[in-house]
Amino acid sequence: MLSLAQMAVEVLTTADGRAKTALSHQHAASWRAARTAAAPLEIGHATPPQRPARPEKPELLDPRDVPRRGPGTPQGRIALLHAVAHIELNAVDLHWDIIARFTDTPMPLGFYDDWVQAADDESKHFNLLCDCLEAMGSHYGALPAHAFMWQAAEDTATDLLGRLAVVPMVLEARGLDVTPGMIALFTQAKETQALAALNIIYTEEVAHVAYGSKWFNWLCGRAGDDPKEVFHTLVRRYFHGNLKPPFNDEKRAEAGMPLDFYWPLVDAMGGPAS
């Protein structure tokens, strides 16, 4: 039987989005079943690829070169959903990658429970958005996308604390900030299928940010370090964008991120939004 790390690598080396997420669901179910059995799966060790397998489409561009479309039109809303689907597919790989890449760091089984659940959720999110795109006459891969999220994975490939700081606690936390605006947009457009998908994503992403915050604080506590100071140092080191308000302070707090984690970084990393 495959170890959990080997399962993670299988997902990472599967290119097609629907096939990747089907395998992700399958392996998540196997892990949960094993956790209730007398002999649970081993975590094991495996070598994840530097970059996950990807389908030929979408074409990946520099974020500055991805065409922008006004969200007030049907094509603009398709472009927005396509961008979110791309983020969700990256998130599937990011969560399986954190499982496979850092097995040399001893962690409680609860760490793996959380990231398997997050990967399973992201797989569902990707498929919900693909269903929406197809219902609107498009599909994932029809538009170009960017590779910004995986750059964060490469930058933190040898630093578990850095990965937790940048991926769930910065990139996914940003999703908590922007998703309410998307929900309002699709509510106004009466796009009920997309609206239902976005509401599910919004609810479940809070837990993913919370997983990052929980294990970041746990690791800092084990090392006897101040989590806030470590977070500030790692975000400045690894995050190549700007932290800009408005922030969803309520949902960030629900996910275990107090104001003094991210607000002090605003002036240091770009200042308020204009």
Protein backbone atom coordinates (compact mmCIF):
# COMPACT_ATOMS: atom_id res chain seq x y z
CA MET A 1 0.00 0.00 0.00
CA LEU A 2 1.21 3.51 -0.78
CA SER A 3 2.33 5.78 2.03
CA LEU A 4 0.69 9.18 2.39
CA ALA A 5 3.77 10.88 0.95
CA GLN A 6 3.64 8.60 -2.09
CA MET A 7 -0.05 9.38 -2.53
CA ALA A 8 0.80 13.07 -2.46
CA VAL A 9 3.40 12.63 -5.19
CA GLU A 10 0.88 10.73 -7.32
CA VAL A 11 -1.43 13.74 -7.19
CA LEU A 12 1.41 16.15 -7.92
CA THR A 13 2.52 14.18 -10.98
CA THR A 14 -0.98 13.93 -12.49
CA ALA A 15 -1.44 16.63 -15.14
CA ASP A 16 -5.15 16.81 -16.02
CA GLY A 17 -7.13 18.89 -13.55
CA ARG A 18 -10.16 16.62 -13.31
CA ALA A 19 -7.95 13.52 -13.02
CA LYS A 20 -5.75 15.22 -10.41
CA THR A 21 -8.72 16.14 -8.25
CA ALA A 22 -10.31 12.68 -8.62
CA LEU A 23 -7.05 11.14 -7.36
CA SER A 24 -6.92 13.72 -4.59
CA HIS A 25 -10.41 12.76 -3.43
CA GLN A 26 -9.50 9.06 -3.60
CA HIS A 27 -6.34 9.44 -1.53
CA ALA A 28 -8.04 11.71 1.01
CA ALA A 29 -10.73 9.05 1.51
CA SER A 30 -8.05 6.37 1.90
CA TRP A 31 -6.25 8.44 4.54
CA ARG A 32 -9.41 9.06 6.53
CA ALA A 33 -10.36 5.38 6.38
CA ALA A 34 -6.89 4.36 7.51
CA ARG A 35 -6.98 6.82 10.42
CA THR A 36 -9.98 4.95 11.84
CA ALA A 37 -8.36 1.53 11.29
CA ALA A 38 -6.10 -0.35 13.67
CA ALA A 39 -3.12 0.05 11.33
CA PRO A 40 -3.18 3.55 9.80
CA LEU A 41 -1.19 4.46 6.71
CA GLU A 42 2.43 5.40 7.12
CA ILE A 43 3.44 8.98 6.38
CA GLY A 44 6.53 7.65 4.63
CA HIS A 45 8.92 9.59 2.45
CA ALA A 46 8.76 10.51 -1.23
CA THR A 47 10.37 13.08 -3.50
CA PRO A 48 7.85 15.62 -4.83
CA PRO A 49 8.56 17.26 -8.19
CA GLN A 50 9.92 20.79 -8.22
CA ARG A 51 6.76 21.77 -10.08
CA PRO A 52 3.52 19.79 -10.32
CA ALA A 53 2.35 18.30 -13.59
CA ARG A 54 0.03 20.61 -15.48
CA PRO A 55 -2.19 20.29 -18.56
CA GLU A 56 -1.04 21.98 -21.77
CA LYS A 57 -3.65 24.68 -21.19
CA PRO A 58 -3.99 27.22 -19.70
CA GLU A 59 -0.98 29.08 -21.00
CA LEU A 60 0.95 30.44 -18.02
CA LEU A 61 2.00 34.08 -18.23
CA ASP A 62 3.65 36.63 -16.00
CA PRO A 63 0.86 38.08 -13.82
CA ARG A 64 1.38 41.47 -15.49
CA ASP A 65 0.68 39.93 -18.91
CA VAL A 66 -2.59 38.15 -18.06
CA PRO A 67 -5.38 40.02 -19.93
CA ARG A 68 -7.83 41.83 -17.68
CA ARG A 69 -11.55 41.83 -18.43
CA GLY A 70 -14.21 43.92 -16.77
CA PRO A 71 -16.24 41.74 -14.38
CA GLY A 72 -19.46 43.51 -15.33
CA THR A 73 -19.81 41.43 -18.53
CA PRO A 74 -20.46 37.69 -18.97
CA GLN A 75 -16.98 37.25 -20.45
CA GLY A 76 -15.52 39.16 -17.54
CA ARG A 77 -17.27 36.89 -15.06
CA ILE A 78 -16.01 33.84 -16.95
CA ALA A 79 -12.47 35.25 -16.73
CA LEU A 80 -12.88 35.81 -13.00
CA LEU A 81 -14.11 32.25 -12.38
CA HIS A 82 -11.30 30.90 -14.56
CA ALA A 83 -8.76 32.77 -12.46
CA VAL A 84 -10.25 31.39 -9.24
CA ALA A 85 -10.33 27.85 -10.69
CA HIS A 86 -6.63 28.20 -11.47
CA ILE A 87 -5.94 29.29 -7.90
CA GLU A 88 -7.90 26.31 -6.56
CA LEU A 89 -5.99 23.82 -8.73
CA ASN A 90 -2.72 25.31 -7.50
CA ALA A 91 -4.04 24.98 -3.95
CA VAL A 92 -4.68 21.25 -4.46
CA ASP A 93 -1.02 20.83 -5.36
CA LEU A 94 0.22 23.16 -2.63
CA HIS A 95 -1.53 21.16 0.07
CA TRP A 96 -0.32 17.79 -1.20
CA ASP A 97 3.15 19.27 -1.64
CA ILE A 98 3.35 20.37 2.00
CA ILE A 99 2.50 16.78 2.96
CA ALA A 100 5.22 15.22 0.78
CA ARG A 101 7.97 17.82 1.01
CA PHE A 102 8.46 18.20 4.74
CA THR A 103 8.29 14.63 6.04
CA ASP A 104 11.75 15.02 7.61
CA THR A 105 10.17 17.44 10.11
CA PRO A 106 8.41 15.40 12.82
CA MET A 107 4.79 16.52 13.02
CA PRO A 108 1.69 15.15 14.78
CA LEU A 109 -0.77 13.15 12.69
CA GLY A 110 -3.20 16.04 13.07
CA PHE A 111 -0.98 18.09 10.78
CA TYR A 112 -1.54 15.56 8.01
CA ASP A 113 -5.26 15.30 8.79
CA ASP A 114 -5.60 19.04 8.25
CA TRP A 115 -3.72 19.25 4.96
CA VAL A 116 -5.38 16.16 3.52
CA GLN A 117 -8.74 17.78 4.35
CA ALA A 118 -7.63 21.07 2.80
CA ALA A 119 -6.48 19.31 -0.39
CA ASP A 120 -9.79 17.43 -0.55
CA ASP A 121 -11.71 20.71 -0.15
CA GLU A 122 -9.67 22.45 -2.85
CA SER A 123 -10.32 19.55 -5.21
CA LYS A 124 -14.05 20.04 -4.67
CA HIS A 125 -13.68 23.79 -5.23
CA PHE A 126 -11.84 23.30 -8.52
CA ASN A 127 -14.52 20.96 -9.82
CA LEU A 128 -17.34 23.26 -8.74
CA LEU A 129 -15.74 26.12 -10.66
CA CYS A 130 -15.09 23.93 -13.71
CA ASP A 131 -18.76 22.99 -13.66
CA CYS A 132 -19.66 26.70 -13.57
CA LEU A 133 -17.34 27.53 -16.47
CA GLU A 134 -18.75 24.69 -18.57
CA ALA A 135 -22.32 25.79 -17.82
CA MET A 136 -21.33 29.27 -19.06
CA GLY A 137 -19.95 27.87 -22.34
CA SER A 138 -16.27 27.87 -21.37
CA HIS A 139 -13.82 25.53 -19.63
CA TYR A 140 -10.68 25.54 -17.53
CA GLY A 141 -7.75 26.16 -19.86
CA ALA A 142 -9.69 28.40 -22.24
CA LEU A 143 -7.91 31.53 -20.94
CA PRO A 144 -4.32 32.25 -19.90
CA ALA A 145 -3.36 32.18 -16.24
CA HIS A 146 -0.35 33.00 -14.07
CA ALA A 147 2.20 30.96 -12.10
CA PHE A 148 2.53 33.32 -9.12
CA MET A 149 1.24 30.88 -6.50
CA TRP A 150 3.73 28.16 -7.37
CA GLN A 151 6.58 30.65 -7.16
CA ALA A 152 5.78 30.87 -3.45
CA ALA A 153 6.09 27.08 -3.19
CA GLU A 154 9.49 27.09 -4.87
CA ASP A 155 10.74 29.91 -2.67
CA THR A 156 9.77 28.01 0.49
CA ALA A 157 10.70 24.50 -0.67
CA THR A 158 13.17 24.04 2.21
CA ASP A 159 11.36 26.05 4.90
CA LEU A 160 8.17 24.64 6.43
CA LEU A 161 7.55 27.74 8.55
CA GLY A 162 8.05 29.92 5.49
CA ARG A 163 5.57 27.79 3.52
CA LEU A 164 2.95 28.11 6.26
CA ALA A 165 3.52 31.86 6.54
CA VAL A 166 3.25 32.62 2.83
CA VAL A 167 0.74 30.13 1.43
CA PRO A 168 -2.15 29.81 3.91
CA MET A 169 -1.43 32.91 6.03
CA VAL A 170 -0.82 35.37 3.16
CA LEU A 171 -2.10 33.99 -0.15
CA GLU A 172 -5.13 32.11 1.14
CA ALA A 173 -5.88 34.83 3.68
CA ARG A 174 -6.09 37.24 0.75
CA GLY A 175 -8.91 35.08 -0.58
CA LEU A 176 -10.88 35.89 2.56
CA ASP A 177 -10.46 39.58 1.72
CA VAL A 178 -11.59 39.47 -1.91
CA THR A 179 -14.23 36.72 -2.01
CA PRO A 180 -17.06 38.81 -0.47
CA GLY A 181 -16.71 41.24 -3.38
CA MET A 182 -16.96 38.38 -5.86
CA ILE A 183 -20.04 37.05 -4.08
CA ALA A 184 -21.66 40.48 -4.35
CA LEU A 185 -20.79 40.63 -8.06
CA PHE A 186 -22.35 37.24 -8.86
CA THR A 187 -25.36 38.02 -6.67
CA GLN A 188 -26.01 41.15 -8.71
CA ALA A 189 -25.58 39.18 -11.96
CA LYS A 190 -27.97 36.46 -10.68
CA GLU A 191 -25.40 33.77 -11.52
CA THR A 192 -26.78 31.28 -8.99
CA GLN A 193 -24.48 28.33 -9.75
CA ALA A 194 -21.33 30.44 -9.41
CA LEU A 195 -22.74 32.13 -6.33
CA ALA A 196 -23.32 28.78 -4.63
CA ALA A 197 -19.76 27.66 -5.45
CA LEU A 198 -18.22 30.87 -4.14
CA ASN A 199 -20.16 30.66 -0.89
CA ILE A 200 -18.86 27.13 -0.30
CA ILE A 201 -15.31 28.23 -1.08
CA TYR A 202 -15.55 31.26 1.21
CA THR A 203 -16.76 29.17 4.14
CA GLU A 204 -14.15 26.43 3.75
CA GLU A 205 -11.16 28.68 3.06
CA VAL A 206 -11.41 30.06 6.60
CA ALA A 207 -10.45 26.62 7.87
CA HIS A 208 -7.46 26.42 5.52
CA VAL A 209 -6.06 29.71 6.79
CA ALA A 210 -6.72 28.42 10.32
CA TYR A 211 -4.70 25.27 9.60
CA GLY A 212 -1.78 27.43 8.56
CA SER A 213 -2.06 29.64 11.61
CA LYS A 214 -2.42 26.68 13.98
CA TRP A 215 0.64 24.80 12.76
CA PHE A 216 2.72 27.95 12.35
CA ASN A 217 2.06 28.83 15.99
CA TRP A 218 2.64 25.22 17.06
CA LEU A 219 6.06 25.10 15.40
CA CYS A 220 7.03 28.47 16.85
CA GLY A 221 5.93 27.28 20.28
CA ARG A 222 7.99 24.11 19.98
CA ALA A 223 11.04 26.22 19.11
CA GLY A 224 10.33 28.81 21.81
CA ASP A 225 9.99 31.64 19.24
CA ASP A 226 7.58 34.58 19.07
CA PRO A 227 5.14 33.68 16.25
CA LYS A 228 4.41 37.30 15.32
CA GLU A 229 8.07 38.23 14.93
CA VAL A 230 8.83 35.05 12.99
CA PHE A 231 5.84 35.68 10.71
CA HIS A 232 6.97 39.22 9.93
CA THR A 233 10.50 38.04 9.16
CA LEU A 234 9.38 35.21 6.88
CA VAL A 235 6.81 37.22 4.96
CA ARG A 236 9.39 39.93 4.27
CA ARG A 237 11.83 37.24 3.13
CA TYR A 238 9.61 35.13 0.91
CA PHE A 239 6.57 37.13 -0.21
CA HIS A 240 7.22 39.15 -3.35
CA GLY A 241 3.97 41.08 -3.49
CA ASN A 242 2.40 43.79 -1.36
CA LEU A 243 0.13 43.42 1.63
CA LYS A 244 -2.60 45.97 1.09
CA PRO A 245 -5.93 46.64 2.80
CA PRO A 246 -8.84 46.34 2.89
CA PHE A 247 -8.53 43.20 5.01
CA ASN A 248 -11.34 40.96 6.16
CA ASP A 249 -10.37 41.38 9.81
CA GLU A 250 -13.34 39.36 11.08
CA LYS A 251 -12.64 36.25 9.02
CA ARG A 252 -8.88 36.53 9.54
CA ALA A 253 -9.48 36.62 13.31
CA GLU A 254 -11.77 33.60 12.99
CA ALA A 255 -8.86 31.83 11.27
CA GLY A 256 -6.49 32.68 14.12
CA MET A 257 -4.76 35.69 12.57
CA PRO A 258 -4.81 38.73 14.89
CA LEU A 259 -4.45 42.28 13.56
CA ASP A 260 -0.87 42.67 14.74
CA PHE A 261 0.27 39.85 12.45
CA TYR A 262 -0.51 41.58 9.17
CA TRP A 263 -1.24 45.28 9.70
CA PRO A 264 2.38 46.11 10.67
CA LEU A 265 3.48 44.72 7.29
CA VAL A 266 1.33 47.14 5.28
CA ASP A 267 3.71 50.11 5.40
CA ALA A 268 6.73 47.85 4.97
CA MET A 269 5.31 46.07 1.91
CA GLY A 270 3.52 48.61 -0.18
CA GLY A 271 1.31 50.78 1.98
CA PRO A 272 -2.44 51.32 1.73
CA ALA A 273 -4.28 50.67 -1.49
CA SER A 274 -4.81 53.75 -3.57
